[in-house]
Amino acid sequence: MYTKFASGINLVSSMSRSGTCWDNAVIESFQSNIKSEVFQYVKFNSQRYQDVVEWVITYFNYYNEERIQ
């Protein structure tokens, strides 16, 4: 279903080999950062979807513009 949707909007899907986390180490590291810095104590079933989207957008801006790399 995902690949059909992605191809329908001209999105190129890229997936690593099964069991090979080193293929996408950069995004794995980023996801680890956002989970530990933003969502460590959040219970998602009690949050509105829009609130979570705003947190992610705010974190993207912080990560790209302010955070020491």
C-alpha atoms as a PDB file:
ATOM      1  CA  MET A   1       0.000   0.000   0.000  1.00  0.00           C
ATOM      2  CA  TYR A   2       2.808   2.432   0.910  1.00  0.00           C
ATOM      3  CA  THR A   3       4.809   1.802  -2.252  1.00  0.00           C
ATOM      4  CA  LYS A   4       1.701   2.211  -4.410  1.00  0.00           C
ATOM      5  CA  PHE A   5       0.891   5.521  -2.697  1.00  0.00           C
ATOM      6  CA  ALA A   6       4.507   6.713  -2.960  1.00  0.00           C
ATOM      7  CA  SER A   7       4.741   5.945  -6.655  1.00  0.00           C
ATOM      8  CA  GLY A   8       1.395   7.678  -7.221  1.00  0.00           C
ATOM      9  CA  ILE A   9       2.867  10.970  -5.994  1.00  0.00           C
ATOM     10  CA  ASN A  10       6.247  10.471  -7.715  1.00  0.00           C
ATOM     11  CA  LEU A  11       8.053   9.719  -4.445  1.00  0.00           C
ATOM     12  CA  VAL A  12      11.108   7.485  -4.620  1.00  0.00           C
ATOM     13  CA  SER A  13      11.082   5.045  -1.719  1.00  0.00           C
ATOM     14  CA  SER A  14      14.422   3.942  -0.346  1.00  0.00           C
ATOM     15  CA  MET A  15      14.712   1.100   2.140  1.00  0.00           C
ATOM     16  CA  SER A  16      17.783  -0.483   3.620  1.00  0.00           C
ATOM     17  CA  ARG A  17      18.492  -4.165   3.652  1.00  0.00           C
ATOM     18  CA  SER A  18      16.759  -6.098   6.392  1.00  0.00           C
ATOM     19  CA  GLY A  19      18.738  -6.134   9.637  1.00  0.00           C
ATOM     20  CA  THR A  20      21.278  -3.576   8.410  1.00  0.00           C
ATOM     21  CA  CYS A  21      20.874  -0.458  10.514  1.00  0.00           C
ATOM     22  CA  TRP A  22      24.183   0.953   9.242  1.00  0.00           C
ATOM     23  CA  ASP A  23      22.554   1.699   5.881  1.00  0.00           C
ATOM     24  CA  ASN A  24      20.576   4.524   7.463  1.00  0.00           C
ATOM     25  CA  ALA A  25      22.669   5.454  10.496  1.00  0.00           C
ATOM     26  CA  VAL A  26      22.141   9.203  10.035  1.00  0.00           C
ATOM     27  CA  ILE A  27      18.345   9.055  10.311  1.00  0.00           C
ATOM     28  CA  GLU A  28      18.553   6.468  13.099  1.00  0.00           C
ATOM     29  CA  SER A  29      20.716   8.909  15.047  1.00  0.00           C
ATOM     30  CA  PHE A  30      18.315  11.787  14.373  1.00  0.00           C
ATOM     31  CA  GLN A  31      15.316   9.727  15.484  1.00  0.00           C
ATOM     32  CA  SER A  32      17.161   8.784  18.654  1.00  0.00           C
ATOM     33  CA  ASN A  33      17.841  12.467  19.333  1.00  0.00           C
ATOM     34  CA  ILE A  34      14.251  13.572  18.854  1.00  0.00           C
ATOM     35  CA  LYS A  35      12.954  10.735  21.023  1.00  0.00           C
ATOM     36  CA  SER A  36      15.332  11.521  23.872  1.00  0.00           C
ATOM     37  CA  GLU A  37      15.173  15.324  23.634  1.00  0.00           C
ATOM     38  CA  VAL A  38      11.464  15.855  22.935  1.00  0.00           C
ATOM     39  CA  PHE A  39       9.347  12.779  23.512  1.00  0.00           C
ATOM     40  CA  GLN A  40      11.036  10.995  26.404  1.00  0.00           C
ATOM     41  CA  TYR A  41       8.199  11.595  28.886  1.00  0.00           C
ATOM     42  CA  VAL A  42       5.267  12.058  26.499  1.00  0.00           C
ATOM     43  CA  LYS A  43       2.298   9.708  26.542  1.00  0.00           C
ATOM     44  CA  PHE A  44       1.066   9.919  22.956  1.00  0.00           C
ATOM     45  CA  ASN A  45      -2.375   8.521  23.637  1.00  0.00           C
ATOM     46  CA  SER A  46      -3.096  11.636  25.720  1.00  0.00           C
ATOM     47  CA  GLN A  47      -1.814  14.181  23.161  1.00  0.00           C
ATOM     48  CA  ARG A  48      -3.585  15.802  20.246  1.00  0.00           C
ATOM     49  CA  TYR A  49      -2.160  14.999  16.813  1.00  0.00           C
ATOM     50  CA  GLN A  50      -1.709  18.700  16.027  1.00  0.00           C
ATOM     51  CA  ASP A  51       0.320  19.211  19.231  1.00  0.00           C
ATOM     52  CA  VAL A  52       2.717  16.430  18.252  1.00  0.00           C
ATOM     53  CA  VAL A  53       3.080  17.866  14.732  1.00  0.00           C
ATOM     54  CA  GLU A  54       3.913  21.281  16.208  1.00  0.00           C
ATOM     55  CA  TRP A  55       6.525  19.734  18.536  1.00  0.00           C
ATOM     56  CA  VAL A  56       8.186  17.964  15.611  1.00  0.00           C
ATOM     57  CA  ILE A  57       8.247  21.108  13.457  1.00  0.00           C
ATOM     58  CA  THR A  58       9.644  23.137  16.358  1.00  0.00           C
ATOM     59  CA  TYR A  59      12.328  20.502  16.952  1.00  0.00           C
ATOM     60  CA  PHE A  60      13.268  20.426  13.232  1.00  0.00           C
ATOM     61  CA  ASN A  61      13.789  24.180  13.295  1.00  0.00           C
ATOM     62  CA  TYR A  62      15.797  23.982  16.524  1.00  0.00           C
ATOM     63  CA  TYR A  63      17.890  21.063  15.241  1.00  0.00           C
ATOM     64  CA  ASN A  64      18.692  22.757  11.920  1.00  0.00           C
ATOM     65  CA  GLU A  65      19.236  26.317  13.126  1.00  0.00           C
ATOM     66  CA  GLU A  66      20.252  26.416  16.795  1.00  0.00           C
ATOM     67  CA  ARG A  67      21.418  23.072  18.161  1.00  0.00           C
ATOM     68  CA  ILE A  68      25.159  22.552  18.435  1.00  0.00           C
ATOM     69  CA  GLN A  69      26.008  19.723  16.065  1.00  0.00           C
END
